[in-house]
Amino acid sequence: MPSFELIGTLRVKNDTQQVSEKFSKREFVLTTDTQTQYPQLISFQLTQDKCSLLDQYQVGEEMKVHFNLRGREWSGPQGVKYFNSLEAWRLEKAGNNSASVQPQVSHQSSNVGVDIMPSSEIADDLPF
């Protein structure tokens, strides 16, 4: 499974939710691309014993998130649906040098190709 990392500013920090007796999760949101016309709000989740990793961070603080991309299928009365989530597994305080640089996404696996469109091209490609 490839892993990714992203640098951004902590915007939302939710409390831990006890989903079931054996499963807990905690969601948070980072803001990236703040120098563009359309900043991005990226939602992540921490699960189980990783939920407490977010305790040491405050809203407005710059951080680096290491995460995996997860996908799953759900069958319901309206048919099959697919869901994706960004599951964080490591959090770091962003260095002073990274605060002035555009947020970065890096791909840690060399056997899977990912094309990432520059944010300047994304702003020109909006559907509205």
N, C-alpha and C. Protein backbone atom coordinates (compact mmCIF):
# COMPACT_ATOMS: atom_id res chain seq x y z
N MET A 1 0.86 -1.18 0.00
CA MET A 1 0.00 0.00 0.00
C MET A 1 0.89 1.23 0.00
N PRO A 2 0.74 2.10 -0.98
CA PRO A 2 1.54 3.33 -1.01
C PRO A 2 1.15 4.26 0.12
N SER A 3 2.09 5.06 0.58
CA SER A 3 1.79 6.05 1.60
C SER A 3 2.15 7.43 1.05
N PHE A 4 1.50 8.44 1.60
CA PHE A 4 1.65 9.81 1.13
C PHE A 4 1.93 10.71 2.31
N GLU A 5 2.33 11.95 2.03
CA GLU A 5 2.46 12.95 3.08
C GLU A 5 2.01 14.29 2.53
N LEU A 6 1.49 15.14 3.42
CA LEU A 6 0.96 16.43 3.03
C LEU A 6 1.24 17.43 4.14
N ILE A 7 1.65 18.63 3.76
CA ILE A 7 1.89 19.70 4.72
C ILE A 7 0.76 20.71 4.59
N GLY A 8 0.20 21.13 5.71
CA GLY A 8 -0.88 22.11 5.71
C GLY A 8 -1.10 22.67 7.09
N THR A 9 -2.15 23.47 7.22
CA THR A 9 -2.50 24.11 8.49
C THR A 9 -3.72 23.43 9.07
N LEU A 10 -3.65 23.06 10.34
CA LEU A 10 -4.76 22.40 11.01
C LEU A 10 -5.93 23.37 11.11
N ARG A 11 -7.06 23.02 10.51
CA ARG A 11 -8.23 23.89 10.49
C ARG A 11 -9.32 23.41 11.44
N VAL A 12 -9.56 22.09 11.47
CA VAL A 12 -10.60 21.49 12.32
C VAL A 12 -9.98 20.31 13.06
N LYS A 13 -10.29 20.24 14.34
CA LYS A 13 -9.78 19.16 15.19
C LYS A 13 -10.97 18.61 15.98
N ASN A 14 -11.52 17.47 15.53
CA ASN A 14 -12.69 16.89 16.19
C ASN A 14 -12.29 15.99 17.34
N ASP A 15 -13.26 15.71 18.20
CA ASP A 15 -13.06 14.78 19.31
C ASP A 15 -13.07 13.35 18.78
N THR A 16 -12.54 12.44 19.57
CA THR A 16 -12.55 11.03 19.23
C THR A 16 -13.97 10.50 19.33
N GLN A 17 -14.38 9.72 18.34
CA GLN A 17 -15.70 9.09 18.33
C GLN A 17 -15.53 7.60 18.57
N GLN A 18 -16.30 7.07 19.51
CA GLN A 18 -16.31 5.64 19.77
C GLN A 18 -17.39 5.04 18.88
N VAL A 19 -17.02 4.51 17.71
CA VAL A 19 -17.97 4.01 16.72
C VAL A 19 -18.60 2.70 17.17
N SER A 20 -17.81 1.82 17.75
CA SER A 20 -18.30 0.56 18.30
C SER A 20 -17.44 0.22 19.51
N GLU A 21 -17.74 -0.90 20.12
CA GLU A 21 -16.98 -1.31 21.30
C GLU A 21 -15.48 -1.46 21.00
N LYS A 22 -15.16 -1.85 19.76
CA LYS A 22 -13.77 -2.12 19.41
C LYS A 22 -13.17 -1.13 18.41
N PHE A 23 -13.92 -0.10 18.04
CA PHE A 23 -13.41 0.81 17.00
C PHE A 23 -13.68 2.26 17.37
N SER A 24 -12.60 3.08 17.31
CA SER A 24 -12.73 4.52 17.53
C SER A 24 -12.00 5.25 16.41
N LYS A 25 -12.47 6.47 16.12
CA LYS A 25 -11.84 7.27 15.08
C LYS A 25 -11.88 8.74 15.49
N ARG A 26 -11.00 9.53 14.87
CA ARG A 26 -10.93 10.96 15.12
C ARG A 26 -10.64 11.64 13.79
N GLU A 27 -11.45 12.61 13.44
CA GLU A 27 -11.30 13.30 12.17
C GLU A 27 -10.71 14.68 12.37
N PHE A 28 -9.94 15.14 11.36
CA PHE A 28 -9.39 16.49 11.38
C PHE A 28 -9.23 16.97 9.94
N VAL A 29 -9.12 18.28 9.78
CA VAL A 29 -9.05 18.89 8.46
C VAL A 29 -7.82 19.78 8.37
N LEU A 30 -7.07 19.65 7.27
CA LEU A 30 -5.94 20.53 6.97
C LEU A 30 -6.34 21.47 5.83
N THR A 31 -5.84 22.70 5.86
CA THR A 31 -5.98 23.63 4.75
C THR A 31 -4.66 23.67 4.00
N THR A 32 -4.74 23.50 2.68
CA THR A 32 -3.55 23.58 1.84
C THR A 32 -3.81 24.56 0.70
N ASP A 33 -2.81 24.85 -0.08
CA ASP A 33 -2.92 25.76 -1.22
C ASP A 33 -3.49 27.11 -0.82
N THR A 34 -3.03 27.65 0.30
CA THR A 34 -3.59 28.91 0.81
C THR A 34 -3.19 30.12 -0.03
N GLN A 35 -2.17 29.99 -0.87
CA GLN A 35 -1.76 31.11 -1.71
C GLN A 35 -2.55 31.16 -3.02
N THR A 36 -3.45 30.22 -3.25
CA THR A 36 -4.24 30.20 -4.47
C THR A 36 -5.64 30.75 -4.21
N GLN A 37 -6.37 30.95 -5.26
CA GLN A 37 -7.73 31.47 -5.14
C GLN A 37 -8.66 30.45 -4.47
N TYR A 38 -8.34 29.17 -4.59
CA TYR A 38 -9.19 28.11 -4.05
C TYR A 38 -8.40 27.22 -3.09
N PRO A 39 -8.24 27.64 -1.82
CA PRO A 39 -7.56 26.78 -0.85
C PRO A 39 -8.30 25.44 -0.73
N GLN A 40 -7.55 24.40 -0.46
CA GLN A 40 -8.12 23.06 -0.36
C GLN A 40 -8.29 22.68 1.11
N LEU A 41 -9.42 22.09 1.44
CA LEU A 41 -9.70 21.58 2.79
C LEU A 41 -9.69 20.06 2.69
N ILE A 42 -8.69 19.44 3.29
CA ILE A 42 -8.48 18.00 3.17
C ILE A 42 -8.81 17.33 4.50
N SER A 43 -9.76 16.40 4.47
CA SER A 43 -10.21 15.70 5.66
C SER A 43 -9.44 14.39 5.84
N PHE A 44 -8.96 14.16 7.05
CA PHE A 44 -8.22 12.94 7.41
C PHE A 44 -8.91 12.27 8.59
N GLN A 45 -8.55 11.02 8.82
CA GLN A 45 -9.01 10.34 10.03
C GLN A 45 -7.86 9.57 10.65
N LEU A 46 -7.90 9.52 11.97
CA LEU A 46 -7.01 8.69 12.77
C LEU A 46 -7.89 7.59 13.37
N THR A 47 -7.35 6.39 13.55
CA THR A 47 -8.14 5.31 14.12
C THR A 47 -7.41 4.66 15.29
N GLN A 48 -8.21 4.06 16.15
CA GLN A 48 -7.75 3.28 17.29
C GLN A 48 -6.75 4.05 18.16
N ASP A 49 -5.58 3.48 18.42
CA ASP A 49 -4.58 4.09 19.30
C ASP A 49 -3.93 5.33 18.68
N LYS A 50 -4.14 5.58 17.39
CA LYS A 50 -3.56 6.76 16.74
C LYS A 50 -4.36 8.04 17.03
N CYS A 51 -5.58 7.92 17.58
CA CYS A 51 -6.44 9.09 17.83
C CYS A 51 -5.76 10.12 18.73
N SER A 52 -4.97 9.68 19.67
CA SER A 52 -4.33 10.60 20.61
C SER A 52 -3.18 11.39 19.98
N LEU A 53 -2.71 11.02 18.78
CA LEU A 53 -1.62 11.75 18.14
C LEU A 53 -1.97 13.22 17.91
N LEU A 54 -3.25 13.52 17.75
CA LEU A 54 -3.68 14.88 17.44
C LEU A 54 -3.73 15.78 18.68
N ASP A 55 -3.66 15.20 19.88
CA ASP A 55 -3.79 15.97 21.12
C ASP A 55 -2.77 17.10 21.23
N GLN A 56 -1.57 16.91 20.73
CA GLN A 56 -0.50 17.91 20.90
C GLN A 56 -0.54 19.05 19.90
N TYR A 57 -1.54 19.06 18.97
CA TYR A 57 -1.63 20.09 17.94
C TYR A 57 -2.82 21.00 18.20
N GLN A 58 -2.63 22.28 17.84
CA GLN A 58 -3.69 23.28 18.00
C GLN A 58 -4.16 23.76 16.63
N VAL A 59 -5.42 24.17 16.55
CA VAL A 59 -5.96 24.73 15.31
C VAL A 59 -5.10 25.94 14.92
N GLY A 60 -4.75 26.03 13.65
CA GLY A 60 -3.90 27.09 13.14
C GLY A 60 -2.43 26.71 13.04
N GLU A 61 -2.07 25.57 13.58
CA GLU A 61 -0.68 25.11 13.57
C GLU A 61 -0.36 24.38 12.27
N GLU A 62 0.84 24.61 11.73
CA GLU A 62 1.31 23.95 10.51
C GLU A 62 1.81 22.55 10.88
N MET A 63 1.43 21.55 10.08
CA MET A 63 1.82 20.18 10.38
C MET A 63 2.00 19.37 9.10
N LYS A 64 2.72 18.26 9.25
CA LYS A 64 2.90 17.30 8.16
C LYS A 64 2.16 16.03 8.57
N VAL A 65 1.35 15.52 7.66
CA VAL A 65 0.57 14.31 7.90
C VAL A 65 1.05 13.22 6.96
N HIS A 66 1.37 12.07 7.51
CA HIS A 66 1.70 10.88 6.73
C HIS A 66 0.42 10.04 6.72
N PHE A 67 -0.01 9.59 5.54
CA PHE A 67 -1.30 8.91 5.47
C PHE A 67 -1.32 7.87 4.36
N ASN A 68 -2.30 6.97 4.46
CA ASN A 68 -2.58 5.98 3.43
C ASN A 68 -3.94 6.29 2.83
N LEU A 69 -4.10 6.01 1.57
CA LEU A 69 -5.36 6.15 0.88
C LEU A 69 -6.10 4.82 1.00
N ARG A 70 -7.31 4.86 1.55
CA ARG A 70 -8.10 3.63 1.75
C ARG A 70 -9.38 3.72 0.93
N GLY A 71 -9.85 2.62 0.40
CA GLY A 71 -11.09 2.56 -0.36
C GLY A 71 -11.88 1.33 0.01
N ARG A 72 -13.20 1.45 -0.05
CA ARG A 72 -14.04 0.31 0.27
C ARG A 72 -15.36 0.38 -0.50
N GLU A 73 -16.01 -0.76 -0.58
CA GLU A 73 -17.27 -0.89 -1.28
C GLU A 73 -18.39 -1.09 -0.26
N TRP A 74 -19.54 -0.50 -0.53
CA TRP A 74 -20.70 -0.67 0.34
C TRP A 74 -21.91 -0.97 -0.53
N SER A 75 -22.64 -2.03 -0.20
CA SER A 75 -23.86 -2.40 -0.93
C SER A 75 -25.05 -2.03 -0.08
N GLY A 76 -25.98 -1.30 -0.68
CA GLY A 76 -27.18 -0.88 0.02
C GLY A 76 -28.39 -0.97 -0.88
N PRO A 77 -29.53 -0.49 -0.40
CA PRO A 77 -30.76 -0.56 -1.19
C PRO A 77 -30.67 0.18 -2.53
N GLN A 78 -29.88 1.25 -2.61
CA GLN A 78 -29.74 1.99 -3.86
C GLN A 78 -28.63 1.45 -4.75
N GLY A 79 -28.00 0.37 -4.35
CA GLY A 79 -26.94 -0.21 -5.16
C GLY A 79 -25.59 -0.13 -4.46
N VAL A 80 -24.56 -0.36 -5.24
CA VAL A 80 -23.19 -0.37 -4.72
C VAL A 80 -22.61 1.03 -4.76
N LYS A 81 -21.96 1.43 -3.68
CA LYS A 81 -21.26 2.72 -3.62
C LYS A 81 -19.83 2.47 -3.16
N TYR A 82 -18.94 3.39 -3.54
CA TYR A 82 -17.54 3.28 -3.18
C TYR A 82 -17.13 4.50 -2.38
N PHE A 83 -16.35 4.28 -1.33
CA PHE A 83 -15.91 5.34 -0.45
C PHE A 83 -14.39 5.32 -0.32
N ASN A 84 -13.80 6.49 -0.21
CA ASN A 84 -12.37 6.65 0.01
C ASN A 84 -12.15 7.39 1.32
N SER A 85 -11.05 7.13 1.97
CA SER A 85 -10.68 7.89 3.16
C SER A 85 -9.16 8.03 3.20
N LEU A 86 -8.71 9.09 3.85
CA LEU A 86 -7.29 9.33 4.05
C LEU A 86 -7.00 9.00 5.51
N GLU A 87 -6.33 7.89 5.73
CA GLU A 87 -6.07 7.42 7.09
C GLU A 87 -4.67 7.82 7.53
N ALA A 88 -4.62 8.78 8.45
CA ALA A 88 -3.33 9.28 8.95
C ALA A 88 -2.73 8.26 9.91
N TRP A 89 -1.41 8.13 9.85
CA TRP A 89 -0.73 7.20 10.75
C TRP A 89 0.46 7.85 11.45
N ARG A 90 0.84 9.05 11.02
CA ARG A 90 1.92 9.77 11.68
C ARG A 90 1.72 11.27 11.47
N LEU A 91 1.92 12.05 12.53
CA LEU A 91 1.81 13.51 12.47
C LEU A 91 3.12 14.12 12.94
N GLU A 92 3.53 15.21 12.27
CA GLU A 92 4.76 15.91 12.65
C GLU A 92 4.50 17.41 12.60
N LYS A 93 5.20 18.14 13.44
CA LYS A 93 5.17 19.60 13.33
C LYS A 93 5.97 19.96 12.09
N ALA A 94 5.43 20.86 11.28
CA ALA A 94 6.12 21.27 10.06
C ALA A 94 7.26 22.20 10.44
N GLY A 95 8.40 22.07 9.75
CA GLY A 95 9.56 22.91 10.02
C GLY A 95 9.32 24.33 9.57
N ASN A 96 10.10 25.26 10.07
CA ASN A 96 9.96 26.67 9.71
C ASN A 96 10.15 26.90 8.22
N ASN A 97 11.02 26.10 7.58
CA ASN A 97 11.26 26.27 6.15
C ASN A 97 10.04 25.89 5.32
N SER A 98 9.27 24.91 5.80
CA SER A 98 8.13 24.46 5.01
C SER A 98 6.94 25.40 5.12
N ALA A 99 6.94 26.31 6.07
CA ALA A 99 5.79 27.21 6.24
C ALA A 99 5.65 28.17 5.08
N SER A 100 6.74 28.54 4.44
CA SER A 100 6.67 29.50 3.34
C SER A 100 6.60 28.83 1.98
N VAL A 101 6.65 27.51 1.95
CA VAL A 101 6.63 26.77 0.71
C VAL A 101 5.22 26.23 0.47
N GLN A 102 4.84 26.08 -0.79
CA GLN A 102 3.55 25.51 -1.10
C GLN A 102 3.45 24.13 -0.46
N PRO A 103 2.26 23.74 0.04
CA PRO A 103 2.09 22.40 0.59
C PRO A 103 2.48 21.36 -0.45
N GLN A 104 3.06 20.27 0.02
CA GLN A 104 3.58 19.26 -0.88
C GLN A 104 2.92 17.93 -0.62
N VAL A 105 2.70 17.18 -1.66
CA VAL A 105 2.26 15.80 -1.55
C VAL A 105 3.37 14.97 -2.15
N SER A 106 3.83 13.98 -1.41
CA SER A 106 4.85 13.11 -1.99
C SER A 106 4.37 11.68 -1.92
N HIS A 107 4.74 10.93 -2.88
CA HIS A 107 4.34 9.54 -3.01
C HIS A 107 5.53 8.69 -2.59
N GLN A 108 5.35 7.79 -1.63
CA GLN A 108 6.45 7.04 -1.07
C GLN A 108 6.74 5.72 -1.79
N SER A 109 5.86 5.29 -2.68
CA SER A 109 6.04 4.01 -3.34
C SER A 109 6.46 4.23 -4.78
N SER A 110 7.43 3.46 -5.24
CA SER A 110 7.91 3.66 -6.61
C SER A 110 7.20 2.76 -7.62
N ASN A 111 6.39 1.80 -7.17
CA ASN A 111 5.77 0.88 -8.12
C ASN A 111 4.37 1.31 -8.55
N VAL A 112 3.87 2.43 -8.07
CA VAL A 112 2.54 2.91 -8.47
C VAL A 112 2.69 4.32 -9.01
N GLY A 113 2.18 4.59 -10.21
CA GLY A 113 2.30 5.92 -10.81
C GLY A 113 1.13 6.81 -10.43
N VAL A 114 1.40 8.04 -10.05
CA VAL A 114 0.36 9.01 -9.71
C VAL A 114 0.71 10.31 -10.41
N ASP A 115 -0.20 10.83 -11.22
CA ASP A 115 -0.01 12.13 -11.85
C ASP A 115 -0.74 13.16 -11.02
N ILE A 116 -0.03 14.18 -10.57
CA ILE A 116 -0.65 15.24 -9.78
C ILE A 116 -0.58 16.51 -10.60
N MET A 117 -1.76 17.10 -10.85
CA MET A 117 -1.84 18.32 -11.64
C MET A 117 -1.42 19.50 -10.78
N PRO A 118 -0.57 20.40 -11.28
CA PRO A 118 -0.18 21.58 -10.51
C PRO A 118 -1.40 22.40 -10.14
N SER A 119 -1.38 23.04 -8.95
CA SER A 119 -2.54 23.78 -8.47
C SER A 119 -2.92 24.91 -9.41
N SER A 120 -1.98 25.48 -10.16
CA SER A 120 -2.31 26.54 -11.11
C SER A 120 -3.20 26.01 -12.23
N GLU A 121 -3.00 24.74 -12.63
CA GLU A 121 -3.85 24.15 -13.66
C GLU A 121 -5.21 23.74 -13.11
N ILE A 122 -5.25 23.34 -11.85
CA ILE A 122 -6.50 22.95 -11.22
C ILE A 122 -7.45 24.14 -11.17
N ALA A 123 -6.95 25.32 -10.81
CA ALA A 123 -7.80 26.50 -10.71
C ALA A 123 -8.44 26.84 -12.04
N ASP A 124 -7.78 26.53 -13.17
CA ASP A 124 -8.33 26.81 -14.48
C ASP A 124 -9.30 25.72 -14.94
N ASP A 125 -9.35 24.61 -14.22
CA ASP A 125 -10.12 23.46 -14.64
C ASP A 125 -11.36 23.24 -13.77
N LEU A 126 -11.82 24.26 -13.08
CA LEU A 126 -12.96 24.10 -12.20
C LEU A 126 -14.26 24.04 -12.99
N PRO A 127 -15.19 23.20 -12.54
CA PRO A 127 -16.42 23.01 -13.30
C PRO A 127 -17.45 24.12 -13.11
N PHE A 128 -17.18 25.14 -12.32
CA PHE A 128 -18.17 26.20 -12.11
C PHE A 128 -17.63 27.56 -12.37
